[in-house]
Amino acid sequence: MAAFFVGVFGKNGTYFNKNQYFCRKRLIYESISTYYSEKANPRLFREDSGSIQYLFCLFLNPEIQENIRNSKEEQFQEGFLRELFVKILGYTLNPEPNYNLITEKKNEKDSKKADGAILVNGEVKAVIELKDHKTTDLKQVEAQAFGYKNNHRKASYVIISNFEKLRFYIENTIDFEEFNLFCLTEDDFAVLWICLAYENMTKDLPKQLKSESNNSEDQVTKQLYKEYSAFKRALFADILANNKGIHPLKITGTLERFDEMDFEINSRTWQFKPKKH
């Protein structure tokens, strides 16, 4: 955690930990996580408990993991789509009737093809780009995958995987979730289900949740700085009242330096540290 920033003038040991306010931003993310879980759990654990058990038996099996690691890209592409998307996430793979998952989906404008695509009402909703285990950094695949997405008018999502790690992007390369299929927990699977299950794709649920989380975060941020401003006014008055002879400009200068403190926040671990400029 970042060091406390202490007001040194108050006779009564007045101090303010700026992280207390930034920690309130953590609360909104936790509430969003709860919202995800409440959406996922009723179906996940009552109606579809078999899916999570199948996933654990498949992707958490050390022998199967080793076989996947040794598979070339083309050897396991269709198998990966069938095992994860069909058997676990509720898709129907071409050539089955009424399919909503297809391999080798050609761009609308040229002959380039994504490894797979998710269809909703016959339109491409998500493109899938798969690599073998030699591709360890999925970021390297972003340009290729988004090149496919940008060639489908209705596409909102991009899925990239090397059969172990999977990244799910919402509209751009900034907003994504990454999963390690080889060490998923039940909570991880709940989020994976919300992001990728076909019934949620048809409702555009990932985009809805992204929009709601952004709106909620904005509200918390506004409230945070409203309370922070009130705190500064109270602190200024307290320091002035308890330190006779101190010039108000000295207090103001100290508080202004305090305003300039900035923190990096790791949204995964919620560790705070001063930014280096």
C-alpha atoms as a PDB file:
ATOM      1  CA  MET A   1       0.000   0.000   0.000  1.00  0.00           C
ATOM      2  CA  ALA A   2       1.141   3.549  -0.632  1.00  0.00           C
ATOM      3  CA  ALA A   3       2.506   5.428   2.360  1.00  0.00           C
ATOM      4  CA  PHE A   4       0.106   7.588   4.333  1.00  0.00           C
ATOM      5  CA  PHE A   5       0.153  11.298   3.605  1.00  0.00           C
ATOM      6  CA  VAL A   6       0.075  12.960   7.007  1.00  0.00           C
ATOM      7  CA  GLY A   7      -0.997  16.533   7.844  1.00  0.00           C
ATOM      8  CA  VAL A   8       1.816  17.638  10.166  1.00  0.00           C
ATOM      9  CA  PHE A   9       0.295  20.818  11.530  1.00  0.00           C
ATOM     10  CA  GLY A  10      -2.642  19.567  13.616  1.00  0.00           C
ATOM     11  CA  LYS A  11      -1.931  19.558  17.370  1.00  0.00           C
ATOM     12  CA  ASN A  12      -4.317  16.656  17.807  1.00  0.00           C
ATOM     13  CA  GLY A  13      -2.467  14.498  15.327  1.00  0.00           C
ATOM     14  CA  THR A  14      -4.776  15.378  12.450  1.00  0.00           C
ATOM     15  CA  TYR A  15      -3.941  13.298   9.397  1.00  0.00           C
ATOM     16  CA  PHE A  16      -5.579  12.082   6.231  1.00  0.00           C
ATOM     17  CA  ASN A  17      -4.951   8.842   4.381  1.00  0.00           C
ATOM     18  CA  LYS A  18      -5.779   9.594   0.744  1.00  0.00           C
ATOM     19  CA  ASN A  19      -6.020   5.869   0.046  1.00  0.00           C
ATOM     20  CA  GLN A  20      -9.164   5.710   2.150  1.00  0.00           C
ATOM     21  CA  TYR A  21     -10.892   7.581  -0.631  1.00  0.00           C
ATOM     22  CA  PHE A  22      -9.421   5.614  -3.467  1.00  0.00           C
ATOM     23  CA  CYS A  23     -10.365   2.408  -1.671  1.00  0.00           C
ATOM     24  CA  ARG A  24     -13.980   3.412  -2.192  1.00  0.00           C
ATOM     25  CA  LYS A  25     -13.399   2.869  -5.894  1.00  0.00           C
ATOM     26  CA  ARG A  26     -12.602  -0.724  -5.007  1.00  0.00           C
ATOM     27  CA  LEU A  27     -16.081  -1.088  -3.554  1.00  0.00           C
ATOM     28  CA  ILE A  28     -17.751  -0.437  -6.892  1.00  0.00           C
ATOM     29  CA  TYR A  29     -15.675  -3.122  -8.588  1.00  0.00           C
ATOM     30  CA  GLU A  30     -16.540  -5.550  -5.809  1.00  0.00           C
ATOM     31  CA  SER A  31     -20.236  -4.755  -6.190  1.00  0.00           C
ATOM     32  CA  ILE A  32     -19.956  -5.298  -9.947  1.00  0.00           C
ATOM     33  CA  SER A  33     -18.290  -8.655  -9.282  1.00  0.00           C
ATOM     34  CA  THR A  34     -21.194  -9.553  -7.006  1.00  0.00           C
ATOM     35  CA  TYR A  35     -23.581  -8.465  -9.750  1.00  0.00           C
ATOM     36  CA  TYR A  36     -21.813 -10.783 -12.180  1.00  0.00           C
ATOM     37  CA  SER A  37     -22.056 -13.652  -9.728  1.00  0.00           C
ATOM     38  CA  GLU A  38     -25.736 -13.063  -9.008  1.00  0.00           C
ATOM     39  CA  LYS A  39     -26.409 -13.155 -12.743  1.00  0.00           C
ATOM     40  CA  ALA A  40     -24.353 -16.283 -13.305  1.00  0.00           C
ATOM     41  CA  ASN A  41     -24.858 -18.463 -10.283  1.00  0.00           C
ATOM     42  CA  PRO A  42     -28.547 -19.402 -10.550  1.00  0.00           C
ATOM     43  CA  ARG A  43     -28.036 -20.995 -13.963  1.00  0.00           C
ATOM     44  CA  LEU A  44     -24.455 -22.012 -13.364  1.00  0.00           C
ATOM     45  CA  PHE A  45     -24.924 -24.095 -10.263  1.00  0.00           C
ATOM     46  CA  ARG A  46     -28.550 -25.223 -10.534  1.00  0.00           C
ATOM     47  CA  GLU A  47     -29.206 -25.950 -14.192  1.00  0.00           C
ATOM     48  CA  ASP A  48     -25.726 -26.269 -15.635  1.00  0.00           C
ATOM     49  CA  SER A  49     -23.522 -27.763 -12.942  1.00  0.00           C
ATOM     50  CA  GLY A  50     -22.524 -30.434 -15.479  1.00  0.00           C
ATOM     51  CA  SER A  51     -20.769 -27.841 -17.652  1.00  0.00           C
ATOM     52  CA  ILE A  52     -18.420 -26.687 -14.938  1.00  0.00           C
ATOM     53  CA  GLN A  53     -17.644 -30.273 -13.923  1.00  0.00           C
ATOM     54  CA  TYR A  54     -16.903 -31.154 -17.551  1.00  0.00           C
ATOM     55  CA  LEU A  55     -14.629 -28.117 -17.910  1.00  0.00           C
ATOM     56  CA  PHE A  56     -12.722 -29.004 -14.751  1.00  0.00           C
ATOM     57  CA  CYS A  57     -12.323 -32.630 -15.842  1.00  0.00           C
ATOM     58  CA  LEU A  58     -11.059 -31.516 -19.250  1.00  0.00           C
ATOM     59  CA  PHE A  59      -8.914 -28.422 -18.810  1.00  0.00           C
ATOM     60  CA  LEU A  60      -7.695 -29.135 -15.282  1.00  0.00           C
ATOM     61  CA  ASN A  61      -6.512 -32.639 -16.131  1.00  0.00           C
ATOM     62  CA  PRO A  62      -2.662 -32.548 -16.174  1.00  0.00           C
ATOM     63  CA  GLU A  63      -2.361 -35.178 -18.916  1.00  0.00           C
ATOM     64  CA  ILE A  64      -4.839 -33.366 -21.153  1.00  0.00           C
ATOM     65  CA  GLN A  65      -3.074 -30.078 -20.445  1.00  0.00           C
ATOM     66  CA  GLU A  66       0.204 -31.563 -21.643  1.00  0.00           C
ATOM     67  CA  ASN A  67      -1.435 -32.900 -24.810  1.00  0.00           C
ATOM     68  CA  ILE A  68      -2.936 -29.477 -25.500  1.00  0.00           C
ATOM     69  CA  ARG A  69       0.434 -27.798 -24.994  1.00  0.00           C
ATOM     70  CA  ASN A  70       1.970 -30.159 -27.547  1.00  0.00           C
ATOM     71  CA  SER A  71      -0.807 -29.728 -30.124  1.00  0.00           C
ATOM     72  CA  LYS A  72      -0.254 -27.619 -33.208  1.00  0.00           C
ATOM     73  CA  GLU A  73      -2.707 -24.843 -33.967  1.00  0.00           C
ATOM     74  CA  GLU A  74      -4.606 -26.683 -36.688  1.00  0.00           C
ATOM     75  CA  GLN A  75      -4.723 -29.944 -34.714  1.00  0.00           C
ATOM     76  CA  PHE A  76      -6.881 -28.639 -31.890  1.00  0.00           C
ATOM     77  CA  GLN A  77      -8.753 -25.647 -33.346  1.00  0.00           C
ATOM     78  CA  GLU A  78     -12.052 -27.375 -34.029  1.00  0.00           C
ATOM     79  CA  GLY A  79     -11.632 -29.581 -30.970  1.00  0.00           C
ATOM     80  CA  PHE A  80     -11.178 -26.508 -28.796  1.00  0.00           C
ATOM     81  CA  LEU A  81     -14.318 -24.875 -30.175  1.00  0.00           C
ATOM     82  CA  ARG A  82     -16.296 -28.059 -29.701  1.00  0.00           C
ATOM     83  CA  GLU A  83     -15.060 -28.816 -26.178  1.00  0.00           C
ATOM     84  CA  LEU A  84     -15.355 -25.288 -24.752  1.00  0.00           C
ATOM     85  CA  PHE A  85     -17.986 -23.509 -26.810  1.00  0.00           C
ATOM     86  CA  VAL A  86     -20.323 -26.377 -27.706  1.00  0.00           C
ATOM     87  CA  LYS A  87     -20.147 -28.727 -24.729  1.00  0.00           C
ATOM     88  CA  ILE A  88     -19.731 -26.057 -22.041  1.00  0.00           C
ATOM     89  CA  LEU A  89     -21.014 -22.699 -23.277  1.00  0.00           C
ATOM     90  CA  GLY A  90     -24.067 -23.825 -25.217  1.00  0.00           C
ATOM     91  CA  TYR A  91     -23.194 -23.232 -28.885  1.00  0.00           C
ATOM     92  CA  THR A  92     -24.122 -25.244 -31.979  1.00  0.00           C
ATOM     93  CA  LEU A  93     -21.259 -25.811 -34.405  1.00  0.00           C
ATOM     94  CA  ASN A  94     -21.693 -25.876 -38.179  1.00  0.00           C
ATOM     95  CA  PRO A  95     -22.858 -28.131 -39.949  1.00  0.00           C
ATOM     96  CA  GLU A  96     -25.489 -28.875 -37.286  1.00  0.00           C
ATOM     97  CA  PRO A  97     -28.909 -27.334 -38.032  1.00  0.00           C
ATOM     98  CA  ASN A  98     -29.419 -23.802 -36.689  1.00  0.00           C
ATOM     99  CA  TYR A  99     -25.706 -23.440 -35.987  1.00  0.00           C
ATOM    100  CA  ASN A 100     -24.382 -20.297 -34.306  1.00  0.00           C
ATOM    101  CA  LEU A 101     -20.680 -21.146 -34.281  1.00  0.00           C
ATOM    102  CA  ILE A 102     -18.618 -21.513 -37.436  1.00  0.00           C
ATOM    103  CA  THR A 103     -14.986 -22.140 -38.319  1.00  0.00           C
ATOM    104  CA  GLU A 104     -12.986 -20.286 -40.981  1.00  0.00           C
ATOM    105  CA  LYS A 105     -15.305 -17.277 -41.214  1.00  0.00           C
ATOM    106  CA  LYS A 106     -14.439 -15.070 -44.185  1.00  0.00           C
ATOM    107  CA  ASN A 107     -14.380 -11.265 -43.872  1.00  0.00           C
ATOM    108  CA  GLU A 108     -17.225  -9.338 -45.471  1.00  0.00           C
ATOM    109  CA  LYS A 109     -14.838  -7.278 -47.616  1.00  0.00           C
ATOM    110  CA  ASP A 110     -12.029  -9.667 -48.541  1.00  0.00           C
ATOM    111  CA  SER A 111     -10.963 -13.304 -48.508  1.00  0.00           C
ATOM    112  CA  LYS A 112      -9.157 -13.259 -45.144  1.00  0.00           C
ATOM    113  CA  LYS A 113     -10.627 -15.600 -42.544  1.00  0.00           C
ATOM    114  CA  ALA A 114     -10.863 -15.704 -38.782  1.00  0.00           C
ATOM    115  CA  ASP A 115     -10.438 -19.128 -37.202  1.00  0.00           C
ATOM    116  CA  GLY A 116     -13.999 -18.959 -35.940  1.00  0.00           C
ATOM    117  CA  ALA A 117     -16.995 -16.715 -35.385  1.00  0.00           C
ATOM    118  CA  ILE A 118     -20.068 -16.525 -33.173  1.00  0.00           C
ATOM    119  CA  LEU A 119     -23.286 -15.757 -35.021  1.00  0.00           C
ATOM    120  CA  VAL A 120     -26.436 -14.111 -33.682  1.00  0.00           C
ATOM    121  CA  ASN A 121     -29.361 -13.992 -36.100  1.00  0.00           C
ATOM    122  CA  GLY A 122     -26.968 -14.917 -38.886  1.00  0.00           C
ATOM    123  CA  GLU A 123     -24.654 -11.931 -38.221  1.00  0.00           C
ATOM    124  CA  VAL A 124     -21.122 -12.154 -36.840  1.00  0.00           C
ATOM    125  CA  LYS A 125     -21.232 -11.028 -33.194  1.00  0.00           C
ATOM    126  CA  ALA A 126     -17.722 -12.160 -32.225  1.00  0.00           C
ATOM    127  CA  VAL A 127     -14.608 -13.314 -34.050  1.00  0.00           C
ATOM    128  CA  ILE A 128     -12.326 -16.013 -32.675  1.00  0.00           C
ATOM    129  CA  GLU A 129      -8.600 -16.250 -33.369  1.00  0.00           C
ATOM    130  CA  LEU A 130      -6.730 -19.301 -32.107  1.00  0.00           C
ATOM    131  CA  LYS A 131      -3.012 -19.975 -31.781  1.00  0.00           C
ATOM    132  CA  ASP A 132      -1.039 -22.894 -30.422  1.00  0.00           C
ATOM    133  CA  HIS A 133       0.877 -22.842 -27.173  1.00  0.00           C
ATOM    134  CA  LYS A 134       3.988 -21.334 -28.760  1.00  0.00           C
ATOM    135  CA  THR A 135       2.157 -17.985 -28.732  1.00  0.00           C
ATOM    136  CA  THR A 136       2.561 -17.032 -25.079  1.00  0.00           C
ATOM    137  CA  ASP A 137       1.668 -13.323 -25.348  1.00  0.00           C
ATOM    138  CA  LEU A 138      -1.894 -12.975 -26.638  1.00  0.00           C
ATOM    139  CA  LYS A 139      -1.384  -9.253 -27.115  1.00  0.00           C
ATOM    140  CA  GLN A 140       0.655 -10.122 -30.188  1.00  0.00           C
ATOM    141  CA  VAL A 141      -2.502 -11.470 -31.829  1.00  0.00           C
ATOM    142  CA  GLU A 142      -4.659  -8.365 -31.205  1.00  0.00           C
ATOM    143  CA  ALA A 143      -3.928  -6.622 -34.513  1.00  0.00           C
ATOM    144  CA  GLN A 144      -4.778  -9.721 -36.535  1.00  0.00           C
ATOM    145  CA  ALA A 145      -7.949 -10.497 -34.566  1.00  0.00           C
ATOM    146  CA  PHE A 146      -9.252  -6.930 -34.604  1.00  0.00           C
ATOM    147  CA  GLY A 147      -8.524  -6.783 -38.317  1.00  0.00           C
ATOM    148  CA  TYR A 148     -11.136  -9.523 -38.687  1.00  0.00           C
ATOM    149  CA  LYS A 149     -13.577  -7.846 -36.294  1.00  0.00           C
ATOM    150  CA  ASN A 150     -13.396  -4.575 -38.194  1.00  0.00           C
ATOM    151  CA  ASN A 151     -14.456  -6.396 -41.344  1.00  0.00           C
ATOM    152  CA  HIS A 152     -17.801  -7.473 -39.859  1.00  0.00           C
ATOM    153  CA  ARG A 153     -20.397  -4.741 -39.396  1.00  0.00           C
ATOM    154  CA  LYS A 154     -22.186  -6.194 -36.365  1.00  0.00           C
ATOM    155  CA  ALA A 155     -19.155  -7.626 -34.537  1.00  0.00           C
ATOM    156  CA  SER A 156     -18.679  -6.334 -30.986  1.00  0.00           C
ATOM    157  CA  TYR A 157     -16.385  -8.916 -29.432  1.00  0.00           C
ATOM    158  CA  VAL A 158     -13.020 -10.567 -30.039  1.00  0.00           C
ATOM    159  CA  ILE A 159     -11.846 -13.850 -28.525  1.00  0.00           C
ATOM    160  CA  ILE A 160      -8.168 -14.841 -28.644  1.00  0.00           C
ATOM    161  CA  SER A 161      -6.775 -18.051 -27.185  1.00  0.00           C
ATOM    162  CA  ASN A 162      -3.719 -20.281 -27.229  1.00  0.00           C
ATOM    163  CA  PHE A 163      -5.849 -23.128 -25.798  1.00  0.00           C
ATOM    164  CA  GLU A 164      -4.625 -22.356 -22.264  1.00  0.00           C
ATOM    165  CA  LYS A 165      -5.163 -18.634 -21.859  1.00  0.00           C
ATOM    166  CA  LEU A 166      -8.210 -16.938 -23.322  1.00  0.00           C
ATOM    167  CA  ARG A 167      -8.839 -13.224 -23.758  1.00  0.00           C
ATOM    168  CA  PHE A 168     -12.298 -11.784 -24.286  1.00  0.00           C
ATOM    169  CA  TYR A 169     -12.392  -8.225 -25.642  1.00  0.00           C
ATOM    170  CA  ILE A 170     -15.398  -5.896 -25.645  1.00  0.00           C
ATOM    171  CA  GLU A 171     -15.258  -3.566 -28.667  1.00  0.00           C
ATOM    172  CA  ASN A 172     -11.615  -2.479 -28.252  1.00  0.00           C
ATOM    173  CA  THR A 173      -8.184  -3.645 -27.108  1.00  0.00           C
ATOM    174  CA  ILE A 174      -8.473  -1.828 -23.763  1.00  0.00           C
ATOM    175  CA  ASP A 175     -11.497  -3.562 -22.271  1.00  0.00           C
ATOM    176  CA  PHE A 176     -10.844  -7.284 -21.893  1.00  0.00           C
ATOM    177  CA  GLU A 177     -10.906 -10.178 -19.451  1.00  0.00           C
ATOM    178  CA  GLU A 178      -8.200 -12.849 -19.466  1.00  0.00           C
ATOM    179  CA  PHE A 179      -8.791 -16.376 -18.211  1.00  0.00           C
ATOM    180  CA  ASN A 180      -6.380 -19.235 -17.635  1.00  0.00           C
ATOM    181  CA  LEU A 181      -8.395 -22.324 -18.516  1.00  0.00           C
ATOM    182  CA  PHE A 182      -5.842 -24.596 -16.861  1.00  0.00           C
ATOM    183  CA  CYS A 183      -6.451 -23.166 -13.381  1.00  0.00           C
ATOM    184  CA  LEU A 184     -10.009 -21.816 -13.418  1.00  0.00           C
ATOM    185  CA  THR A 185     -11.889 -21.508 -10.143  1.00  0.00           C
ATOM    186  CA  GLU A 186     -15.664 -21.601  -9.864  1.00  0.00           C
ATOM    187  CA  ASP A 187     -15.682 -17.785  -9.563  1.00  0.00           C
ATOM    188  CA  ASP A 188     -13.562 -17.502 -12.710  1.00  0.00           C
ATOM    189  CA  PHE A 189     -15.974 -19.770 -14.523  1.00  0.00           C
ATOM    190  CA  ALA A 190     -18.912 -17.622 -13.404  1.00  0.00           C
ATOM    191  CA  VAL A 191     -17.339 -14.613 -15.137  1.00  0.00           C
ATOM    192  CA  LEU A 192     -16.384 -16.712 -18.173  1.00  0.00           C
ATOM    193  CA  TRP A 193     -19.987 -17.868 -18.423  1.00  0.00           C
ATOM    194  CA  ILE A 194     -21.350 -14.325 -18.237  1.00  0.00           C
ATOM    195  CA  CYS A 195     -18.946 -13.217 -20.965  1.00  0.00           C
ATOM    196  CA  LEU A 196     -19.182 -16.114 -23.384  1.00  0.00           C
ATOM    197  CA  ALA A 197     -22.301 -18.274 -22.903  1.00  0.00           C
ATOM    198  CA  TYR A 198     -24.433 -18.142 -26.035  1.00  0.00           C
ATOM    199  CA  GLU A 199     -27.584 -17.096 -24.205  1.00  0.00           C
ATOM    200  CA  ASN A 200     -25.703 -14.048 -22.873  1.00  0.00           C
ATOM    201  CA  MET A 201     -24.229 -13.225 -26.271  1.00  0.00           C
ATOM    202  CA  THR A 202     -27.710 -13.082 -27.796  1.00  0.00           C
ATOM    203  CA  LYS A 203     -28.644 -10.431 -25.206  1.00  0.00           C
ATOM    204  CA  ASP A 204     -25.388  -8.457 -25.598  1.00  0.00           C
ATOM    205  CA  LEU A 205     -24.998  -8.891 -21.850  1.00  0.00           C
ATOM    206  CA  PRO A 206     -21.214  -8.247 -21.752  1.00  0.00           C
ATOM    207  CA  LYS A 207     -21.681  -4.796 -23.346  1.00  0.00           C
ATOM    208  CA  GLN A 208     -24.547  -4.015 -20.974  1.00  0.00           C
ATOM    209  CA  LEU A 209     -22.461  -4.882 -17.931  1.00  0.00           C
ATOM    210  CA  LYS A 210     -19.524  -2.863 -19.237  1.00  0.00           C
ATOM    211  CA  SER A 211     -21.768   0.180 -19.678  1.00  0.00           C
ATOM    212  CA  GLU A 212     -23.322  -0.232 -16.232  1.00  0.00           C
ATOM    213  CA  SER A 213     -19.931  -0.627 -14.555  1.00  0.00           C
ATOM    214  CA  ASN A 214     -18.607   2.526 -16.257  1.00  0.00           C
ATOM    215  CA  ASN A 215     -21.647   4.524 -15.136  1.00  0.00           C
ATOM    216  CA  SER A 216     -21.360   3.246 -11.572  1.00  0.00           C
ATOM    217  CA  GLU A 217     -17.654   4.044 -11.434  1.00  0.00           C
ATOM    218  CA  ASP A 218     -18.313   7.600 -12.631  1.00  0.00           C
ATOM    219  CA  GLN A 219     -20.881   8.099  -9.867  1.00  0.00           C
ATOM    220  CA  VAL A 220     -18.474   6.844  -7.211  1.00  0.00           C
ATOM    221  CA  THR A 221     -15.685   9.057  -8.547  1.00  0.00           C
ATOM    222  CA  LYS A 222     -17.890  12.175  -8.382  1.00  0.00           C
ATOM    223  CA  GLN A 223     -18.955  11.361  -4.830  1.00  0.00           C
ATOM    224  CA  LEU A 224     -15.362  10.622  -3.842  1.00  0.00           C
ATOM    225  CA  TYR A 225     -14.084  14.022  -4.924  1.00  0.00           C
ATOM    226  CA  LYS A 226     -17.085  15.800  -3.440  1.00  0.00           C
ATOM    227  CA  GLU A 227     -16.245  14.320  -0.047  1.00  0.00           C
ATOM    228  CA  TYR A 228     -12.543  14.933  -0.570  1.00  0.00           C
ATOM    229  CA  SER A 229     -13.181  18.643  -1.221  1.00  0.00           C
ATOM    230  CA  ALA A 230     -15.266  18.878   1.943  1.00  0.00           C
ATOM    231  CA  PHE A 231     -12.489  17.145   3.864  1.00  0.00           C
ATOM    232  CA  LYS A 232      -9.871  19.628   2.618  1.00  0.00           C
ATOM    233  CA  ARG A 233     -11.971  22.583   3.734  1.00  0.00           C
ATOM    234  CA  ALA A 234     -12.404  21.034   7.180  1.00  0.00           C
ATOM    235  CA  LEU A 235      -8.697  20.191   7.418  1.00  0.00           C
ATOM    236  CA  PHE A 236      -7.722  23.753   6.434  1.00  0.00           C
ATOM    237  CA  ALA A 237      -9.954  25.169   9.172  1.00  0.00           C
ATOM    238  CA  ASP A 238      -8.633  22.680  11.744  1.00  0.00           C
ATOM    239  CA  ILE A 239      -4.979  23.433  10.988  1.00  0.00           C
ATOM    240  CA  LEU A 240      -5.610  27.181  11.082  1.00  0.00           C
ATOM    241  CA  ALA A 241      -7.464  26.963  14.404  1.00  0.00           C
ATOM    242  CA  ASN A 242      -4.843  24.785  16.115  1.00  0.00           C
ATOM    243  CA  ASN A 243      -1.678  26.476  14.832  1.00  0.00           C
ATOM    244  CA  LYS A 244      -1.675  30.118  15.868  1.00  0.00           C
ATOM    245  CA  GLY A 245       0.557  32.286  13.748  1.00  0.00           C
ATOM    246  CA  ILE A 246       0.772  29.973  10.761  1.00  0.00           C
ATOM    247  CA  HIS A 247       0.129  31.779   7.502  1.00  0.00           C
ATOM    248  CA  PRO A 248      -2.911  30.531   5.543  1.00  0.00           C
ATOM    249  CA  LEU A 249      -0.848  30.461   2.338  1.00  0.00           C
ATOM    250  CA  LYS A 250       1.484  27.878   3.917  1.00  0.00           C
ATOM    251  CA  ILE A 251      -1.487  25.651   4.647  1.00  0.00           C
ATOM    252  CA  THR A 252      -2.855  26.164   1.138  1.00  0.00           C
ATOM    253  CA  GLY A 253       0.522  25.321  -0.404  1.00  0.00           C
ATOM    254  CA  THR A 254       0.737  22.091   1.581  1.00  0.00           C
ATOM    255  CA  LEU A 255      -2.747  21.026   0.554  1.00  0.00           C
ATOM    256  CA  GLU A 256      -1.971  21.825  -3.084  1.00  0.00           C
ATOM    257  CA  ARG A 257       1.068  19.546  -2.952  1.00  0.00           C
ATOM    258  CA  PHE A 258      -1.178  16.908  -1.466  1.00  0.00           C
ATOM    259  CA  ASP A 259      -3.530  17.292  -4.452  1.00  0.00           C
ATOM    260  CA  GLU A 260      -0.651  16.570  -6.806  1.00  0.00           C
ATOM    261  CA  MET A 261      -0.063  13.137  -5.313  1.00  0.00           C
ATOM    262  CA  ASP A 262      -1.245  10.482  -7.722  1.00  0.00           C
ATOM    263  CA  PHE A 263      -1.521   6.740  -7.410  1.00  0.00           C
ATOM    264  CA  GLU A 264      -1.397   3.736  -9.674  1.00  0.00           C
ATOM    265  CA  ILE A 265      -4.140   1.261  -8.814  1.00  0.00           C
ATOM    266  CA  ASN A 266      -3.890  -2.397  -9.736  1.00  0.00           C
ATOM    267  CA  SER A 267      -7.534  -3.363 -10.270  1.00  0.00           C
ATOM    268  CA  ARG A 268      -6.735  -7.060  -9.816  1.00  0.00           C
ATOM    269  CA  THR A 269      -4.818  -6.941  -6.520  1.00  0.00           C
ATOM    270  CA  TRP A 270      -5.942  -3.483  -5.330  1.00  0.00           C
ATOM    271  CA  GLN A 271      -2.401  -2.450  -4.461  1.00  0.00           C
ATOM    272  CA  PHE A 272      -1.752   1.281  -4.388  1.00  0.00           C
ATOM    273  CA  LYS A 273       1.590   2.960  -5.017  1.00  0.00           C
ATOM    274  CA  PRO A 274       2.696   6.501  -5.883  1.00  0.00           C
ATOM    275  CA  LYS A 275       3.131   7.098  -9.603  1.00  0.00           C
ATOM    276  CA  LYS A 276       6.613   7.776 -10.884  1.00  0.00           C
ATOM    277  CA  HIS A 277       6.778  10.882 -13.060  1.00  0.00           C
END
